[in-house]
N, C-alpha and C. Protein backbone atom coordinates (compact mmCIF):
# COMPACT_ATOMS: atom_id res chain seq x y z
N GLU A 1 -109.70 179.75 -17.49
CA GLU A 1 -111.09 179.66 -16.97
C GLU A 1 -111.06 178.75 -15.77
N TRP A 2 -111.88 179.11 -14.80
CA TRP A 2 -111.98 178.30 -13.54
C TRP A 2 -113.41 178.02 -13.13
N THR A 3 -113.69 176.94 -12.49
CA THR A 3 -114.98 176.62 -11.92
C THR A 3 -114.84 176.39 -10.42
N ARG A 4 -115.87 176.63 -9.65
CA ARG A 4 -115.86 176.51 -8.25
C ARG A 4 -116.54 175.18 -7.88
N VAL A 5 -115.86 174.40 -6.95
CA VAL A 5 -116.33 173.09 -6.58
C VAL A 5 -116.26 172.96 -5.05
N TRP A 6 -117.32 172.41 -4.48
CA TRP A 6 -117.33 172.13 -3.02
C TRP A 6 -116.78 170.72 -2.79
N ILE A 7 -115.85 170.56 -1.85
CA ILE A 7 -115.34 169.25 -1.44
C ILE A 7 -115.59 169.05 0.02
N LEU A 8 -115.79 167.76 0.37
CA LEU A 8 -116.06 167.43 1.81
C LEU A 8 -114.77 166.92 2.38
N LYS A 9 -114.29 167.53 3.45
CA LYS A 9 -113.06 167.14 4.05
C LYS A 9 -113.26 166.71 5.51
N LYS A 10 -112.34 165.96 6.07
CA LYS A 10 -112.30 165.61 7.43
C LYS A 10 -111.42 166.55 8.22
N ALA A 11 -111.85 167.10 9.31
CA ALA A 11 -110.99 168.05 10.05
C ALA A 11 -111.29 167.90 11.54
N ARG A 12 -110.35 168.37 12.37
CA ARG A 12 -110.57 168.43 13.85
C ARG A 12 -111.43 169.54 14.23
N ARG A 13 -112.12 169.40 15.32
CA ARG A 13 -112.99 170.50 15.80
C ARG A 13 -112.13 171.68 16.13
N PRO A 14 -112.63 172.94 15.87
CA PRO A 14 -111.85 174.15 16.22
C PRO A 14 -111.56 174.34 17.70
N ASP A 15 -112.23 173.59 18.55
CA ASP A 15 -111.91 173.77 20.00
C ASP A 15 -110.71 172.97 20.41
N GLY A 16 -110.11 172.19 19.42
CA GLY A 16 -108.87 171.52 19.76
C GLY A 16 -109.09 170.07 20.20
N SER A 17 -110.32 169.63 20.35
CA SER A 17 -110.62 168.27 20.80
C SER A 17 -110.20 167.27 19.75
N ALA A 18 -110.10 165.99 20.13
CA ALA A 18 -109.60 164.98 19.20
C ALA A 18 -110.66 164.53 18.20
N SER A 19 -111.92 164.88 18.45
CA SER A 19 -113.00 164.38 17.53
C SER A 19 -112.90 165.04 16.18
N ILE A 20 -113.29 164.25 15.13
CA ILE A 20 -113.24 164.68 13.74
C ILE A 20 -114.63 165.06 13.24
N ILE A 21 -114.70 166.11 12.47
CA ILE A 21 -116.00 166.56 11.89
C ILE A 21 -115.79 166.74 10.38
N ASP A 22 -116.96 166.76 9.70
CA ASP A 22 -116.97 166.99 8.26
C ASP A 22 -117.04 168.42 7.95
N VAL A 23 -116.18 168.96 7.08
CA VAL A 23 -116.12 170.33 6.78
C VAL A 23 -116.19 170.51 5.21
N TRP A 24 -117.12 171.38 4.73
CA TRP A 24 -117.16 171.73 3.32
C TRP A 24 -116.19 172.85 3.03
N GLU A 25 -115.45 172.74 1.95
CA GLU A 25 -114.56 173.75 1.49
C GLU A 25 -114.70 173.98 0.02
N LEU A 26 -114.78 175.30 -0.36
CA LEU A 26 -114.97 175.73 -1.67
C LEU A 26 -113.60 175.96 -2.29
N ILE A 27 -113.33 175.23 -3.45
CA ILE A 27 -112.02 175.39 -4.07
C ILE A 27 -112.28 175.71 -5.57
N GLN A 28 -111.22 176.18 -6.22
CA GLN A 28 -111.34 176.42 -7.66
C GLN A 28 -110.52 175.36 -8.42
N LEU A 29 -111.14 174.91 -9.55
CA LEU A 29 -110.46 173.96 -10.45
C LEU A 29 -110.49 174.54 -11.86
N PRO A 30 -109.51 174.13 -12.66
CA PRO A 30 -109.50 174.53 -14.11
C PRO A 30 -110.83 174.12 -14.75
N TYR A 31 -111.40 175.08 -15.51
CA TYR A 31 -112.65 174.83 -16.23
C TYR A 31 -112.36 174.50 -17.66
N ILE A 32 -112.57 173.30 -18.11
CA ILE A 32 -112.23 172.91 -19.49
C ILE A 32 -113.45 172.93 -20.36
N LEU A 33 -113.50 173.81 -21.33
CA LEU A 33 -114.53 173.87 -22.29
C LEU A 33 -114.54 172.70 -23.19
N GLN A 34 -115.73 172.17 -23.53
CA GLN A 34 -115.68 170.94 -24.36
C GLN A 34 -117.02 170.86 -25.11
N LEU A 35 -116.89 170.73 -26.42
CA LEU A 35 -117.99 170.56 -27.35
C LEU A 35 -117.67 169.41 -28.36
N ALA A 36 -118.58 168.59 -28.63
CA ALA A 36 -118.39 167.48 -29.56
C ALA A 36 -119.29 167.63 -30.73
N VAL A 37 -118.73 167.57 -31.95
CA VAL A 37 -119.52 167.66 -33.22
C VAL A 37 -119.51 166.28 -33.91
N PHE A 38 -120.66 165.88 -34.42
CA PHE A 38 -120.79 164.59 -35.13
C PHE A 38 -121.31 164.89 -36.55
N GLU A 39 -120.80 164.08 -37.47
CA GLU A 39 -121.20 164.24 -38.90
C GLU A 39 -122.67 163.98 -39.16
N LEU A 40 -123.21 162.98 -38.44
CA LEU A 40 -124.57 162.53 -38.67
C LEU A 40 -125.49 162.85 -37.48
N GLU A 41 -126.82 162.75 -37.74
CA GLU A 41 -127.72 162.96 -36.67
C GLU A 41 -127.60 161.88 -35.62
N ASN A 42 -128.17 162.20 -34.40
CA ASN A 42 -128.17 161.23 -33.26
C ASN A 42 -126.73 160.81 -32.90
N PHE A 43 -125.80 161.69 -33.03
CA PHE A 43 -124.43 161.43 -32.52
C PHE A 43 -123.73 160.28 -33.14
N ARG A 44 -123.95 160.13 -34.50
CA ARG A 44 -123.31 159.04 -35.22
C ARG A 44 -122.35 159.66 -36.22
N GLY A 45 -121.44 158.76 -36.72
CA GLY A 45 -120.46 159.20 -37.67
C GLY A 45 -119.16 159.75 -37.02
N LYS A 46 -118.39 160.44 -37.84
CA LYS A 46 -117.15 160.96 -37.32
C LYS A 46 -117.39 162.00 -36.24
N LYS A 47 -116.55 161.93 -35.22
CA LYS A 47 -116.62 162.87 -34.02
C LYS A 47 -115.51 163.77 -33.94
N LEU A 48 -115.76 165.05 -33.73
CA LEU A 48 -114.74 166.07 -33.58
C LEU A 48 -114.96 166.76 -32.25
N GLU A 49 -113.91 166.83 -31.43
CA GLU A 49 -113.99 167.41 -30.13
C GLU A 49 -113.33 168.79 -30.14
N LEU A 50 -113.99 169.84 -29.62
CA LEU A 50 -113.40 171.19 -29.52
C LEU A 50 -113.28 171.63 -28.06
N SER A 51 -112.19 172.33 -27.84
CA SER A 51 -112.05 172.89 -26.47
C SER A 51 -111.67 174.41 -26.62
N SER A 52 -111.73 174.94 -27.81
CA SER A 52 -111.51 176.37 -28.02
C SER A 52 -112.16 176.71 -29.39
N GLU A 53 -112.16 177.96 -29.72
CA GLU A 53 -112.93 178.41 -30.93
C GLU A 53 -112.33 177.69 -32.17
N CYS A 54 -113.24 177.56 -33.14
CA CYS A 54 -112.92 176.90 -34.43
C CYS A 54 -113.52 177.72 -35.50
N LYS A 55 -112.67 178.31 -36.39
CA LYS A 55 -113.14 179.20 -37.45
C LYS A 55 -113.85 178.53 -38.57
N ASP A 56 -113.47 177.22 -38.86
CA ASP A 56 -114.08 176.50 -39.94
C ASP A 56 -114.01 174.99 -39.62
N VAL A 57 -115.17 174.49 -39.18
CA VAL A 57 -115.14 173.07 -38.76
C VAL A 57 -115.00 172.11 -39.98
N PHE A 58 -115.32 172.62 -41.18
CA PHE A 58 -115.30 171.81 -42.34
C PHE A 58 -113.85 171.52 -42.84
N GLU A 59 -112.90 172.12 -42.20
CA GLU A 59 -111.48 171.73 -42.40
C GLU A 59 -111.20 170.42 -41.78
N LYS A 60 -112.07 169.96 -40.82
CA LYS A 60 -111.79 168.73 -40.09
C LYS A 60 -112.96 167.70 -40.22
N THR A 61 -114.11 168.09 -40.75
CA THR A 61 -115.18 167.14 -40.88
C THR A 61 -116.06 167.63 -42.04
N GLN A 62 -116.89 166.67 -42.57
CA GLN A 62 -117.63 166.99 -43.77
C GLN A 62 -118.95 167.76 -43.50
N ARG A 63 -119.54 167.53 -42.35
CA ARG A 63 -120.80 168.21 -42.07
C ARG A 63 -121.05 168.16 -40.53
N VAL A 64 -122.01 168.91 -40.11
CA VAL A 64 -122.44 168.88 -38.66
C VAL A 64 -123.89 168.34 -38.62
N GLY A 65 -124.06 167.10 -38.13
CA GLY A 65 -125.39 166.57 -38.02
C GLY A 65 -126.00 166.61 -36.61
N SER A 66 -125.06 166.60 -35.61
CA SER A 66 -125.52 166.69 -34.24
C SER A 66 -124.37 167.20 -33.34
N VAL A 67 -124.75 167.63 -32.16
CA VAL A 67 -123.77 168.35 -31.30
C VAL A 67 -124.05 167.91 -29.83
N ILE A 68 -123.02 167.72 -29.07
CA ILE A 68 -123.07 167.59 -27.63
C ILE A 68 -122.21 168.62 -26.92
N VAL A 69 -122.80 169.43 -26.07
CA VAL A 69 -122.06 170.40 -25.30
C VAL A 69 -121.84 169.83 -23.91
N GLU A 70 -120.57 169.44 -23.57
CA GLU A 70 -120.27 168.91 -22.29
C GLU A 70 -120.09 170.01 -21.26
N SER A 71 -119.48 171.08 -21.66
CA SER A 71 -119.39 172.29 -20.86
C SER A 71 -119.29 173.47 -21.75
N GLY A 72 -119.84 174.53 -21.33
CA GLY A 72 -119.96 175.70 -22.22
C GLY A 72 -120.48 176.93 -21.34
N PRO A 73 -121.25 177.75 -21.98
CA PRO A 73 -121.97 177.61 -23.27
C PRO A 73 -121.15 178.05 -24.44
N TRP A 74 -121.61 177.67 -25.64
CA TRP A 74 -120.98 178.06 -26.94
C TRP A 74 -121.97 178.75 -27.86
N VAL A 75 -121.43 179.32 -28.93
CA VAL A 75 -122.24 179.88 -29.97
C VAL A 75 -121.71 179.31 -31.29
N GLY A 76 -122.63 178.78 -32.13
CA GLY A 76 -122.34 178.27 -33.40
C GLY A 76 -122.72 179.33 -34.45
N PHE A 77 -121.94 179.40 -35.55
CA PHE A 77 -122.29 180.33 -36.66
C PHE A 77 -122.55 179.61 -37.96
N GLU A 78 -123.38 180.20 -38.71
CA GLU A 78 -123.81 179.68 -40.00
C GLU A 78 -122.63 179.50 -40.93
N ARG A 79 -121.72 180.47 -40.96
CA ARG A 79 -120.62 180.50 -41.90
C ARG A 79 -119.26 180.49 -41.11
N SER A 80 -118.20 180.36 -41.87
CA SER A 80 -116.83 180.35 -41.32
C SER A 80 -116.48 181.70 -40.77
N SER A 81 -115.50 181.74 -39.87
CA SER A 81 -114.98 182.94 -39.29
C SER A 81 -116.04 183.68 -38.43
N PHE A 82 -116.95 182.96 -37.88
CA PHE A 82 -117.94 183.52 -36.94
C PHE A 82 -118.84 184.57 -37.60
N VAL A 83 -119.34 184.21 -38.78
CA VAL A 83 -120.20 185.11 -39.58
C VAL A 83 -121.51 184.34 -39.85
N GLY A 84 -122.59 185.20 -40.00
CA GLY A 84 -123.85 184.62 -40.38
C GLY A 84 -124.74 184.39 -39.14
N GLU A 85 -125.79 183.59 -39.36
CA GLU A 85 -126.75 183.37 -38.25
C GLU A 85 -126.07 182.71 -37.09
N GLN A 86 -126.50 183.10 -35.89
CA GLN A 86 -125.97 182.65 -34.66
C GLN A 86 -126.89 181.57 -33.94
N PHE A 87 -126.24 180.64 -33.31
CA PHE A 87 -127.04 179.60 -32.54
C PHE A 87 -126.38 179.39 -31.22
N VAL A 88 -127.05 179.74 -30.15
CA VAL A 88 -126.55 179.56 -28.80
C VAL A 88 -126.70 177.99 -28.47
N LEU A 89 -125.60 177.45 -27.98
CA LEU A 89 -125.51 176.03 -27.57
C LEU A 89 -125.16 175.98 -26.11
N GLU A 90 -126.09 175.68 -25.26
CA GLU A 90 -125.80 175.51 -23.86
C GLU A 90 -125.63 174.02 -23.53
N LYS A 91 -125.21 173.71 -22.32
CA LYS A 91 -124.89 172.32 -21.93
C LYS A 91 -126.05 171.40 -22.26
N GLY A 92 -125.78 170.32 -22.96
CA GLY A 92 -126.83 169.42 -23.32
C GLY A 92 -126.58 168.74 -24.66
N GLU A 93 -127.62 168.03 -25.18
CA GLU A 93 -127.50 167.23 -26.40
C GLU A 93 -128.40 167.85 -27.44
N TYR A 94 -127.87 167.89 -28.71
CA TYR A 94 -128.58 168.38 -29.84
C TYR A 94 -128.54 167.32 -30.96
N PRO A 95 -129.49 166.42 -30.99
CA PRO A 95 -129.39 165.28 -31.91
C PRO A 95 -129.65 165.53 -33.35
N ARG A 96 -130.21 166.72 -33.65
CA ARG A 96 -130.45 167.11 -35.08
C ARG A 96 -130.58 168.59 -35.15
N TRP A 97 -130.50 169.14 -36.35
CA TRP A 97 -130.45 170.60 -36.54
C TRP A 97 -131.72 171.33 -35.94
N SER A 98 -132.86 170.66 -35.93
CA SER A 98 -134.07 171.30 -35.38
C SER A 98 -134.01 171.53 -33.89
N THR A 99 -133.06 170.98 -33.25
CA THR A 99 -132.87 171.13 -31.76
C THR A 99 -132.04 172.38 -31.40
N TRP A 100 -131.32 172.91 -32.37
CA TRP A 100 -130.55 174.14 -32.11
C TRP A 100 -131.14 175.33 -32.85
N THR A 101 -132.15 175.12 -33.67
CA THR A 101 -132.76 176.32 -34.35
C THR A 101 -134.16 175.99 -34.64
N ASN A 102 -135.04 177.04 -34.61
CA ASN A 102 -136.41 176.81 -35.12
C ASN A 102 -136.61 177.66 -36.37
N CYS A 103 -135.52 178.04 -36.98
CA CYS A 103 -135.53 178.82 -38.30
C CYS A 103 -135.36 177.86 -39.39
N GLN A 104 -136.32 177.93 -40.35
CA GLN A 104 -136.26 176.97 -41.49
C GLN A 104 -135.25 177.44 -42.58
N ASN A 105 -134.74 178.61 -42.46
CA ASN A 105 -133.90 179.17 -43.52
C ASN A 105 -132.45 178.63 -43.47
N SER A 106 -132.00 178.31 -42.28
CA SER A 106 -130.62 177.89 -42.12
C SER A 106 -130.44 176.91 -40.99
N TYR A 107 -129.69 175.87 -41.28
CA TYR A 107 -129.41 174.86 -40.26
C TYR A 107 -127.96 174.47 -40.23
N THR A 108 -127.14 175.10 -41.02
CA THR A 108 -125.69 174.78 -41.09
C THR A 108 -124.90 175.44 -39.96
N LEU A 109 -124.03 174.70 -39.32
CA LEU A 109 -123.05 175.22 -38.33
C LEU A 109 -121.65 174.98 -38.95
N THR A 110 -120.96 176.14 -39.03
CA THR A 110 -119.63 176.09 -39.68
C THR A 110 -118.55 176.50 -38.74
N SER A 111 -118.75 177.44 -37.84
CA SER A 111 -117.70 177.84 -36.88
C SER A 111 -118.30 177.92 -35.53
N PHE A 112 -117.46 177.79 -34.52
CA PHE A 112 -117.85 177.74 -33.11
C PHE A 112 -116.93 178.57 -32.28
N LYS A 113 -117.46 179.15 -31.21
CA LYS A 113 -116.59 179.76 -30.19
C LYS A 113 -117.30 179.73 -28.84
N PRO A 114 -116.51 179.59 -27.73
CA PRO A 114 -117.19 179.56 -26.43
C PRO A 114 -117.63 180.99 -26.03
N LEU A 115 -118.73 181.05 -25.31
CA LEU A 115 -119.25 182.29 -24.80
C LEU A 115 -118.71 182.62 -23.43
N LYS A 116 -118.43 183.91 -23.20
CA LYS A 116 -117.96 184.33 -21.87
C LYS A 116 -119.14 184.54 -20.96
N VAL A 117 -119.13 183.86 -19.83
CA VAL A 117 -120.10 184.08 -18.81
C VAL A 117 -119.40 184.51 -17.55
N ASP A 118 -119.16 185.80 -17.49
CA ASP A 118 -118.30 186.34 -16.43
C ASP A 118 -119.04 186.80 -15.17
N SER A 119 -120.34 186.64 -15.13
CA SER A 119 -121.08 187.08 -14.00
C SER A 119 -122.33 186.27 -13.76
N ALA A 120 -122.59 185.99 -12.49
CA ALA A 120 -123.85 185.33 -12.17
C ALA A 120 -125.05 186.26 -12.26
N ASP A 121 -124.76 187.59 -12.17
CA ASP A 121 -125.84 188.54 -12.29
C ASP A 121 -126.04 188.98 -13.70
N HIS A 122 -127.27 189.36 -14.05
CA HIS A 122 -127.58 189.73 -15.42
C HIS A 122 -128.31 191.09 -15.40
N LYS A 123 -127.87 191.96 -16.21
CA LYS A 123 -128.57 193.30 -16.44
C LYS A 123 -128.43 193.71 -17.85
N LEU A 124 -129.50 194.11 -18.52
CA LEU A 124 -129.48 194.45 -19.90
C LEU A 124 -130.39 195.73 -20.12
N TYR A 125 -129.96 196.69 -20.96
CA TYR A 125 -130.76 197.80 -21.34
C TYR A 125 -131.02 197.73 -22.78
N LEU A 126 -132.30 197.87 -23.17
CA LEU A 126 -132.72 197.88 -24.56
C LEU A 126 -133.22 199.31 -24.88
N PHE A 127 -132.75 199.79 -26.04
CA PHE A 127 -133.09 201.17 -26.49
C PHE A 127 -133.84 201.13 -27.76
N GLU A 128 -134.80 202.08 -27.91
CA GLU A 128 -135.60 202.15 -29.17
C GLU A 128 -134.83 202.64 -30.34
N ASN A 129 -133.89 203.55 -30.09
CA ASN A 129 -133.13 204.15 -31.20
C ASN A 129 -131.61 203.87 -31.06
N ALA A 130 -130.91 204.04 -32.15
CA ALA A 130 -129.44 203.85 -32.19
C ALA A 130 -128.83 204.88 -31.24
N GLY A 131 -127.63 204.57 -30.74
CA GLY A 131 -126.91 205.47 -29.93
C GLY A 131 -127.48 205.60 -28.47
N PHE A 132 -128.28 204.57 -28.07
CA PHE A 132 -128.87 204.58 -26.75
C PHE A 132 -129.80 205.73 -26.51
N GLU A 133 -130.61 206.00 -27.55
CA GLU A 133 -131.67 207.05 -27.50
C GLU A 133 -133.03 206.45 -27.53
N GLY A 134 -134.03 207.27 -27.18
CA GLY A 134 -135.43 206.88 -27.27
C GLY A 134 -135.82 206.12 -25.94
N ARG A 135 -136.89 205.44 -26.10
CA ARG A 135 -137.45 204.61 -24.96
C ARG A 135 -136.42 203.56 -24.52
N LYS A 136 -136.44 203.32 -23.22
CA LYS A 136 -135.45 202.34 -22.68
C LYS A 136 -136.22 201.31 -21.81
N MET A 137 -135.74 200.09 -21.91
CA MET A 137 -136.27 199.01 -21.09
C MET A 137 -135.11 198.33 -20.35
N GLU A 138 -135.27 198.17 -19.04
CA GLU A 138 -134.21 197.50 -18.25
C GLU A 138 -134.70 196.10 -17.87
N VAL A 139 -133.81 195.13 -18.07
CA VAL A 139 -134.09 193.75 -17.72
C VAL A 139 -133.02 193.28 -16.75
N VAL A 140 -133.45 192.86 -15.58
CA VAL A 140 -132.51 192.46 -14.48
C VAL A 140 -132.85 191.00 -14.05
N ASP A 141 -131.87 190.12 -14.16
CA ASP A 141 -132.01 188.72 -13.65
C ASP A 141 -133.32 188.10 -14.04
N ASP A 142 -133.69 188.22 -15.32
CA ASP A 142 -134.97 187.65 -15.71
C ASP A 142 -134.89 187.34 -17.22
N ASP A 143 -135.78 186.46 -17.65
CA ASP A 143 -135.98 186.17 -19.05
C ASP A 143 -137.30 186.85 -19.50
N VAL A 144 -137.31 187.37 -20.71
CA VAL A 144 -138.50 188.09 -21.20
C VAL A 144 -139.01 187.45 -22.47
N PRO A 145 -140.03 186.64 -22.43
CA PRO A 145 -140.45 185.95 -23.68
C PRO A 145 -141.18 186.91 -24.66
N SER A 146 -141.60 188.05 -24.17
CA SER A 146 -142.29 189.00 -25.06
C SER A 146 -142.08 190.47 -24.51
N LEU A 147 -141.41 191.26 -25.35
CA LEU A 147 -141.23 192.65 -24.97
C LEU A 147 -142.56 193.41 -24.98
N TRP A 148 -143.42 193.03 -25.89
CA TRP A 148 -144.75 193.68 -25.93
C TRP A 148 -145.53 193.47 -24.64
N ALA A 149 -145.45 192.34 -24.02
CA ALA A 149 -146.13 192.04 -22.73
C ALA A 149 -145.60 192.96 -21.66
N HIS A 150 -144.46 193.53 -21.80
CA HIS A 150 -143.85 194.39 -20.79
C HIS A 150 -143.98 195.89 -21.24
N GLY A 151 -144.80 196.14 -22.29
CA GLY A 151 -145.08 197.46 -22.67
C GLY A 151 -143.99 198.15 -23.56
N PHE A 152 -143.16 197.29 -24.14
CA PHE A 152 -142.06 197.75 -25.03
C PHE A 152 -142.32 197.23 -26.43
N GLN A 153 -141.94 198.13 -27.41
CA GLN A 153 -142.15 197.72 -28.80
C GLN A 153 -141.09 196.71 -29.21
N ASP A 154 -141.26 196.26 -30.50
CA ASP A 154 -140.26 195.26 -31.02
C ASP A 154 -139.10 195.96 -31.64
N ARG A 155 -139.03 197.26 -31.76
CA ARG A 155 -137.92 197.98 -32.29
C ARG A 155 -136.86 198.19 -31.23
N VAL A 156 -135.71 197.50 -31.41
CA VAL A 156 -134.55 197.64 -30.51
C VAL A 156 -133.37 197.96 -31.40
N ALA A 157 -132.90 199.17 -31.26
CA ALA A 157 -131.81 199.70 -32.17
C ALA A 157 -130.47 199.75 -31.50
N SER A 158 -130.39 199.71 -30.21
CA SER A 158 -129.11 199.68 -29.47
C SER A 158 -129.33 198.97 -28.16
N VAL A 159 -128.18 198.43 -27.69
CA VAL A 159 -128.30 197.59 -26.42
C VAL A 159 -127.06 197.84 -25.57
N LYS A 160 -127.27 197.82 -24.26
CA LYS A 160 -126.14 197.82 -23.33
C LYS A 160 -126.26 196.55 -22.43
N ALA A 161 -125.25 195.68 -22.60
CA ALA A 161 -125.24 194.49 -21.76
C ALA A 161 -124.31 194.77 -20.57
N VAL A 162 -124.96 195.17 -19.49
CA VAL A 162 -124.21 195.69 -18.28
C VAL A 162 -123.48 194.55 -17.58
N SER A 163 -124.20 193.41 -17.43
CA SER A 163 -123.58 192.22 -16.82
C SER A 163 -124.20 190.97 -17.36
N GLY A 164 -123.49 189.90 -17.35
CA GLY A 164 -123.99 188.67 -17.80
C GLY A 164 -124.00 188.57 -19.34
N THR A 165 -124.34 187.46 -19.88
CA THR A 165 -124.45 187.16 -21.33
C THR A 165 -125.93 186.90 -21.65
N TRP A 166 -126.33 187.53 -22.81
CA TRP A 166 -127.77 187.39 -23.18
C TRP A 166 -127.85 186.95 -24.65
N VAL A 167 -129.10 186.46 -24.90
CA VAL A 167 -129.41 186.18 -26.37
C VAL A 167 -130.78 186.81 -26.65
N GLY A 168 -130.81 187.52 -27.77
CA GLY A 168 -132.10 188.13 -28.21
C GLY A 168 -132.64 187.43 -29.39
N TYR A 169 -133.97 187.47 -29.55
CA TYR A 169 -134.63 186.75 -30.68
C TYR A 169 -135.53 187.77 -31.38
N ILE A 170 -135.69 187.61 -32.65
CA ILE A 170 -136.50 188.55 -33.45
C ILE A 170 -138.04 188.30 -33.28
N TYR A 171 -138.43 187.12 -32.72
CA TYR A 171 -139.80 186.86 -32.48
C TYR A 171 -140.10 186.52 -31.00
N PRO A 172 -141.31 186.68 -30.52
CA PRO A 172 -141.66 186.30 -29.12
C PRO A 172 -141.45 184.84 -28.92
N GLY A 173 -141.30 184.46 -27.63
CA GLY A 173 -141.14 183.03 -27.30
C GLY A 173 -139.80 182.48 -27.65
N TYR A 174 -138.83 183.30 -27.78
CA TYR A 174 -137.46 182.88 -28.06
C TYR A 174 -137.40 182.15 -29.40
N ARG A 175 -138.00 182.74 -30.42
CA ARG A 175 -138.03 182.13 -31.73
C ARG A 175 -137.33 183.03 -32.82
N GLY A 176 -136.93 182.44 -33.87
CA GLY A 176 -136.36 183.24 -34.97
C GLY A 176 -134.86 183.42 -34.79
N ARG A 177 -134.30 184.31 -35.58
CA ARG A 177 -132.84 184.54 -35.52
C ARG A 177 -132.47 184.96 -34.09
N GLN A 178 -131.19 184.49 -33.73
CA GLN A 178 -130.64 184.77 -32.43
C GLN A 178 -129.48 185.75 -32.55
N TYR A 179 -129.36 186.61 -31.57
CA TYR A 179 -128.25 187.52 -31.46
C TYR A 179 -127.68 187.52 -30.05
N VAL A 180 -126.38 187.30 -29.99
CA VAL A 180 -125.72 187.18 -28.68
C VAL A 180 -125.24 188.57 -28.20
N PHE A 181 -125.47 188.86 -26.92
CA PHE A 181 -125.01 190.09 -26.32
C PHE A 181 -124.10 189.76 -25.15
N GLU A 182 -122.81 189.80 -25.37
CA GLU A 182 -121.83 189.66 -24.30
C GLU A 182 -121.66 191.06 -23.62
N HIS A 183 -121.01 191.11 -22.53
CA HIS A 183 -120.78 192.37 -21.79
C HIS A 183 -120.23 193.43 -22.71
N GLY A 184 -120.94 194.62 -22.84
CA GLY A 184 -120.44 195.66 -23.65
C GLY A 184 -121.62 196.50 -24.23
N ASP A 185 -121.26 197.51 -25.00
CA ASP A 185 -122.18 198.41 -25.61
C ASP A 185 -122.38 198.10 -27.11
N PHE A 186 -123.60 198.14 -27.55
CA PHE A 186 -123.94 197.91 -28.96
C PHE A 186 -124.75 199.09 -29.46
N LYS A 187 -124.10 200.07 -30.04
CA LYS A 187 -124.65 201.33 -30.41
C LYS A 187 -125.64 201.25 -31.54
N HIS A 188 -125.48 200.20 -32.41
CA HIS A 188 -126.35 200.07 -33.65
C HIS A 188 -126.61 198.59 -33.82
N TRP A 189 -127.73 198.31 -34.42
CA TRP A 189 -128.09 196.89 -34.66
C TRP A 189 -127.11 196.09 -35.49
N ASN A 190 -126.33 196.82 -36.34
CA ASN A 190 -125.24 196.19 -37.09
C ASN A 190 -124.21 195.65 -36.24
N ASP A 191 -124.09 196.23 -35.00
CA ASP A 191 -122.95 195.80 -34.06
C ASP A 191 -123.24 194.33 -33.61
N TRP A 192 -124.53 193.91 -33.58
CA TRP A 192 -124.77 192.53 -33.15
C TRP A 192 -125.13 191.64 -34.37
N GLY A 193 -124.86 192.10 -35.60
CA GLY A 193 -124.98 191.34 -36.78
C GLY A 193 -126.34 191.32 -37.38
N ALA A 194 -127.23 192.24 -37.03
CA ALA A 194 -128.59 192.28 -37.56
C ALA A 194 -128.66 193.22 -38.74
N SER A 195 -129.65 192.98 -39.54
CA SER A 195 -129.91 193.82 -40.70
C SER A 195 -131.10 194.74 -40.45
N ALA A 196 -131.78 194.65 -39.33
CA ALA A 196 -132.95 195.46 -38.92
C ALA A 196 -132.97 195.56 -37.43
N PRO A 197 -133.59 196.62 -36.85
CA PRO A 197 -133.63 196.81 -35.40
C PRO A 197 -134.84 196.06 -34.79
N GLN A 198 -134.84 194.77 -34.88
CA GLN A 198 -135.99 194.00 -34.40
C GLN A 198 -135.59 192.94 -33.42
N ILE A 199 -136.04 193.03 -32.19
CA ILE A 199 -135.94 192.05 -31.11
C ILE A 199 -137.22 191.99 -30.35
N GLN A 200 -137.74 190.77 -30.14
CA GLN A 200 -139.06 190.67 -29.47
C GLN A 200 -138.99 189.83 -28.19
N SER A 201 -137.83 189.15 -27.96
CA SER A 201 -137.72 188.38 -26.66
C SER A 201 -136.24 188.26 -26.36
N VAL A 202 -135.87 188.27 -25.10
CA VAL A 202 -134.50 188.08 -24.67
C VAL A 202 -134.46 187.15 -23.49
N ARG A 203 -133.34 186.43 -23.35
CA ARG A 203 -133.10 185.53 -22.16
C ARG A 203 -131.63 185.55 -21.80
N ARG A 204 -131.45 185.11 -20.59
CA ARG A 204 -130.07 185.01 -20.06
C ARG A 204 -129.44 183.75 -20.58
N VAL A 205 -128.08 183.79 -20.86
CA VAL A 205 -127.31 182.62 -21.14
C VAL A 205 -126.53 182.25 -19.88
N ARG A 206 -126.74 181.10 -19.37
CA ARG A 206 -126.10 180.71 -18.12
C ARG A 206 -125.25 179.45 -18.32
N ASP A 207 -124.19 179.45 -17.51
CA ASP A 207 -123.22 178.31 -17.56
C ASP A 207 -123.78 177.25 -16.63
N MET A 208 -124.33 176.20 -17.15
CA MET A 208 -124.98 175.20 -16.30
C MET A 208 -123.89 174.40 -15.45
N GLN A 209 -122.67 174.49 -15.92
CA GLN A 209 -121.57 173.79 -15.19
C GLN A 209 -121.32 174.49 -13.88
N CYS A 210 -121.57 175.79 -13.78
CA CYS A 210 -121.27 176.58 -12.60
C CYS A 210 -122.53 177.06 -11.87
N SER A 211 -123.70 176.73 -12.37
CA SER A 211 -124.92 177.23 -11.73
C SER A 211 -125.40 176.39 -10.56
N HIS A 212 -124.75 175.22 -10.36
CA HIS A 212 -125.07 174.42 -9.22
C HIS A 212 -123.83 173.99 -8.45
N VAL A 213 -124.01 173.52 -7.29
CA VAL A 213 -122.83 173.17 -6.48
C VAL A 213 -122.47 171.71 -6.85
N ASN A 214 -121.20 171.51 -7.20
CA ASN A 214 -120.68 170.15 -7.42
C ASN A 214 -120.07 169.67 -6.10
N MET A 215 -120.29 168.40 -5.79
CA MET A 215 -119.85 167.86 -4.50
C MET A 215 -118.90 166.68 -4.70
N ALA A 216 -117.87 166.67 -4.05
CA ALA A 216 -116.95 165.53 -4.06
C ALA A 216 -116.43 165.25 -2.65
N THR A 217 -116.16 164.05 -2.31
CA THR A 217 -115.67 163.67 -1.01
C THR A 217 -114.20 163.21 -1.07
N VAL A 218 -113.36 163.84 -0.17
CA VAL A 218 -111.97 163.45 -0.11
C VAL A 218 -111.64 162.98 1.25
């Protein structure tokens, strides 16, 4: 993985004169994924650092009370081996379970893996029926807090993630269970781990590490 960084360099003018000017140059640097897990709330207790996927965090720690995402984004799973409810974790601090979920049924994080954000552009197709049949809604470079507000029902039975990474929610306002859609086709709601074809809001997952220009002087 790589990230792009702007650096400020000193260079001679292109006309060959002796004067020196400042020149910005865009370079690529290795992009290191980093997530820290703490046993207790508010980043206390034993700390575990991850830089790649982890199938069962409880092999290395007793519980997950808080999380810091230094670079990402990541997705956490309720159970081991990336199974169960999903929780998208973007760059930032999560001092307690209520900051990564608004669902009262589950707050346990057991496995983690980084999300692929392979495009700055985002395009998503939502279909009423399985197999990409029925009514279709196109979402391009936008977040949609309510499908109903855009004239689309809450029944979403298949999805095409054309570009970018997305997360869908079963309730409006980005609430309830979360489902991640990385680039690819999802012919049936079982393909994204759902037990029913219900999605009422969707938003883009963005890599905050690469969404702005980093500046350094050399």
